[in-house]
N, C-alpha and C. Protein backbone atom coordinates (compact mmCIF):
# COMPACT_ATOMS: atom_id res chain seq x y z
N UNK A 1 -31.01 -36.71 -47.25
CA UNK A 1 -30.02 -36.21 -47.26
C UNK A 1 -28.95 -37.47 -47.35
N UNK A 2 -27.52 -37.11 -48.00
CA UNK A 2 -26.98 -38.04 -48.09
C UNK A 2 -25.89 -38.62 -46.65
N UNK A 3 -25.38 -39.57 -47.11
CA UNK A 3 -24.80 -40.26 -45.91
C UNK A 3 -23.72 -39.20 -45.29
N UNK A 4 -22.89 -38.41 -46.24
CA UNK A 4 -21.80 -37.42 -45.45
C UNK A 4 -22.40 -36.33 -44.85
N UNK A 5 -23.57 -35.71 -45.49
CA UNK A 5 -24.53 -34.72 -44.89
C UNK A 5 -24.88 -35.17 -43.60
N UNK A 6 -25.49 -36.50 -43.19
CA UNK A 6 -26.01 -36.88 -42.18
C UNK A 6 -24.70 -37.10 -40.94
N UNK A 7 -23.77 -37.24 -41.27
CA UNK A 7 -22.22 -37.25 -40.55
C UNK A 7 -22.41 -35.71 -39.97
N UNK A 8 -22.14 -34.78 -40.94
CA UNK A 8 -21.58 -33.61 -40.79
C UNK A 8 -23.10 -32.98 -39.68
N UNK A 9 -24.10 -33.30 -39.98
CA UNK A 9 -25.30 -32.94 -38.99
C UNK A 9 -25.25 -33.80 -37.68
N UNK A 10 -24.93 -34.95 -37.59
CA UNK A 10 -24.70 -35.36 -36.37
C UNK A 10 -23.44 -34.98 -35.54
N UNK A 11 -22.33 -34.66 -36.24
CA UNK A 11 -21.28 -34.15 -35.72
C UNK A 11 -21.35 -32.79 -34.83
N UNK A 12 -22.21 -31.72 -35.66
CA UNK A 12 -22.52 -30.78 -35.16
C UNK A 12 -23.44 -30.99 -33.72
N UNK A 13 -24.63 -31.84 -34.07
CA UNK A 13 -25.36 -32.03 -32.91
C UNK A 13 -24.83 -32.26 -31.68
N UNK A 14 -23.53 -33.20 -32.03
CA UNK A 14 -22.57 -33.60 -31.08
C UNK A 14 -22.01 -32.55 -30.05
N UNK A 15 -21.44 -31.73 -30.93
CA UNK A 15 -20.89 -30.51 -30.52
C UNK A 15 -21.28 -29.62 -29.45
N UNK A 16 -22.96 -29.47 -30.09
CA UNK A 16 -23.86 -28.56 -29.54
C UNK A 16 -23.99 -29.28 -28.05
N UNK A 17 -24.41 -30.72 -27.90
CA UNK A 17 -24.35 -31.35 -26.32
C UNK A 17 -23.29 -31.25 -25.80
N UNK A 18 -22.29 -31.42 -26.40
CA UNK A 18 -21.00 -30.87 -25.46
C UNK A 18 -20.98 -29.91 -24.82
N UNK A 19 -21.36 -28.60 -25.39
CA UNK A 19 -21.09 -27.24 -25.24
C UNK A 19 -22.16 -27.14 -24.13
N UNK A 20 -23.73 -27.71 -24.25
CA UNK A 20 -24.56 -27.49 -23.20
C UNK A 20 -24.19 -28.47 -21.82
N UNK A 21 -23.51 -29.78 -22.17
CA UNK A 21 -22.73 -30.58 -20.76
C UNK A 21 -21.92 -29.49 -20.10
N UNK A 22 -21.16 -28.59 -20.82
CA UNK A 22 -19.93 -27.85 -20.04
C UNK A 22 -20.90 -26.95 -19.27
N UNK A 23 -21.78 -26.20 -19.37
CA UNK A 23 -22.94 -25.47 -19.18
C UNK A 23 -23.37 -25.98 -17.59
N UNK A 24 -23.51 -25.19 -16.65
CA UNK A 24 -23.93 -25.58 -15.25
C UNK A 24 -25.48 -26.33 -15.54
N UNK A 25 -24.93 -27.78 -15.54
CA UNK A 25 -26.50 -28.37 -15.64
C UNK A 25 -26.54 -29.58 -14.72
N UNK A 26 -27.44 -30.33 -14.13
CA UNK A 26 -27.72 -30.99 -12.99
C UNK A 26 -27.03 -32.38 -13.70
N UNK A 27 -26.61 -33.27 -12.58
CA UNK A 27 -26.44 -34.62 -13.14
C UNK A 27 -27.16 -35.47 -13.82
N UNK A 28 -28.24 -35.34 -13.49
CA UNK A 28 -29.53 -36.05 -14.17
C UNK A 28 -29.55 -35.65 -15.83
N UNK A 29 -29.01 -34.20 -15.95
CA UNK A 29 -29.44 -33.82 -17.28
C UNK A 29 -27.76 -34.23 -18.13
N UNK A 30 -26.83 -34.19 -17.39
CA UNK A 30 -25.44 -34.71 -17.89
C UNK A 30 -25.50 -36.19 -18.30
N UNK A 31 -26.28 -37.13 -17.49
CA UNK A 31 -26.40 -38.64 -17.79
C UNK A 31 -27.15 -38.29 -19.25
N UNK A 32 -28.55 -37.79 -19.09
CA UNK A 32 -29.04 -37.62 -20.49
C UNK A 32 -28.40 -37.34 -21.96
N UNK A 33 -27.55 -36.24 -21.44
CA UNK A 33 -26.45 -35.77 -22.64
C UNK A 33 -25.85 -36.62 -23.15
N UNK A 34 -24.86 -37.42 -22.18
CA UNK A 34 -23.98 -38.48 -22.23
C UNK A 34 -24.58 -39.86 -23.08
N UNK A 35 -26.20 -39.86 -22.73
CA UNK A 35 -26.61 -41.01 -23.65
C UNK A 35 -26.57 -40.40 -24.90
N UNK A 36 -27.22 -39.45 -25.13
CA UNK A 36 -27.79 -38.96 -26.61
C UNK A 36 -26.13 -39.03 -27.60
N UNK A 37 -25.27 -38.55 -26.61
CA UNK A 37 -23.93 -38.54 -27.28
C UNK A 37 -23.41 -39.92 -27.76
N UNK A 38 -23.63 -40.92 -26.82
CA UNK A 38 -23.52 -41.99 -27.15
C UNK A 38 -23.88 -43.16 -28.27
N UNK A 39 -25.35 -42.29 -28.32
CA UNK A 39 -25.90 -42.89 -29.51
C UNK A 39 -25.74 -42.15 -31.08
N UNK A 40 -24.84 -40.90 -30.88
CA UNK A 40 -24.61 -40.47 -31.96
C UNK A 40 -23.22 -40.88 -32.76
N UNK A 41 -22.45 -41.22 -31.74
CA UNK A 41 -21.30 -41.59 -31.78
C UNK A 41 -21.32 -43.14 -32.75
N UNK A 42 -22.34 -43.76 -32.05
CA UNK A 42 -22.61 -45.04 -32.52
C UNK A 42 -23.32 -44.92 -34.05
N UNK A 43 -23.92 -44.10 -33.94
CA UNK A 43 -24.86 -43.73 -35.23
C UNK A 43 -23.55 -43.55 -36.56
N UNK A 44 -22.82 -42.61 -36.02
CA UNK A 44 -21.59 -42.05 -36.84
C UNK A 44 -20.82 -42.93 -37.59
N UNK A 45 -20.34 -44.32 -36.35
CA UNK A 45 -19.65 -45.35 -36.53
C UNK A 45 -20.20 -46.15 -37.72
N UNK A 46 -21.77 -46.52 -37.38
CA UNK A 46 -22.30 -47.33 -38.44
C UNK A 46 -22.37 -46.77 -39.88
N UNK A 47 -22.42 -45.42 -40.10
CA UNK A 47 -22.38 -44.60 -41.59
C UNK A 47 -21.48 -44.89 -41.90
N UNK A 48 -20.11 -44.88 -41.17
CA UNK A 48 -18.59 -44.89 -41.85
C UNK A 48 -18.46 -46.28 -42.09
N UNK A 49 -19.11 -47.28 -41.38
CA UNK A 49 -18.74 -48.61 -42.01
C UNK A 49 -19.54 -49.02 -43.27
N UNK A 50 -20.61 -48.13 -43.36
CA UNK A 50 -21.43 -48.43 -44.66
C UNK A 50 -20.76 -47.88 -45.80
N UNK A 51 -19.97 -46.78 -45.64
CA UNK A 51 -19.57 -45.91 -46.57
C UNK A 51 -18.10 -46.52 -46.98
N UNK A 52 -17.67 -47.73 -46.30
CA UNK A 52 -16.33 -48.16 -46.50
C UNK A 52 -16.41 -48.89 -48.06
């Protein structure tokens, strides 16, 4: 998968996590989802830096 395809995949995954977070989940689940979202955001930033 190319870098651009990876970014698109990560953004979709992040959107799904945001939707899951909006649903009634526990605080522990919210913390875990937030950790995953932060990791995805960092990976997207790193890919964008590589593409410059």
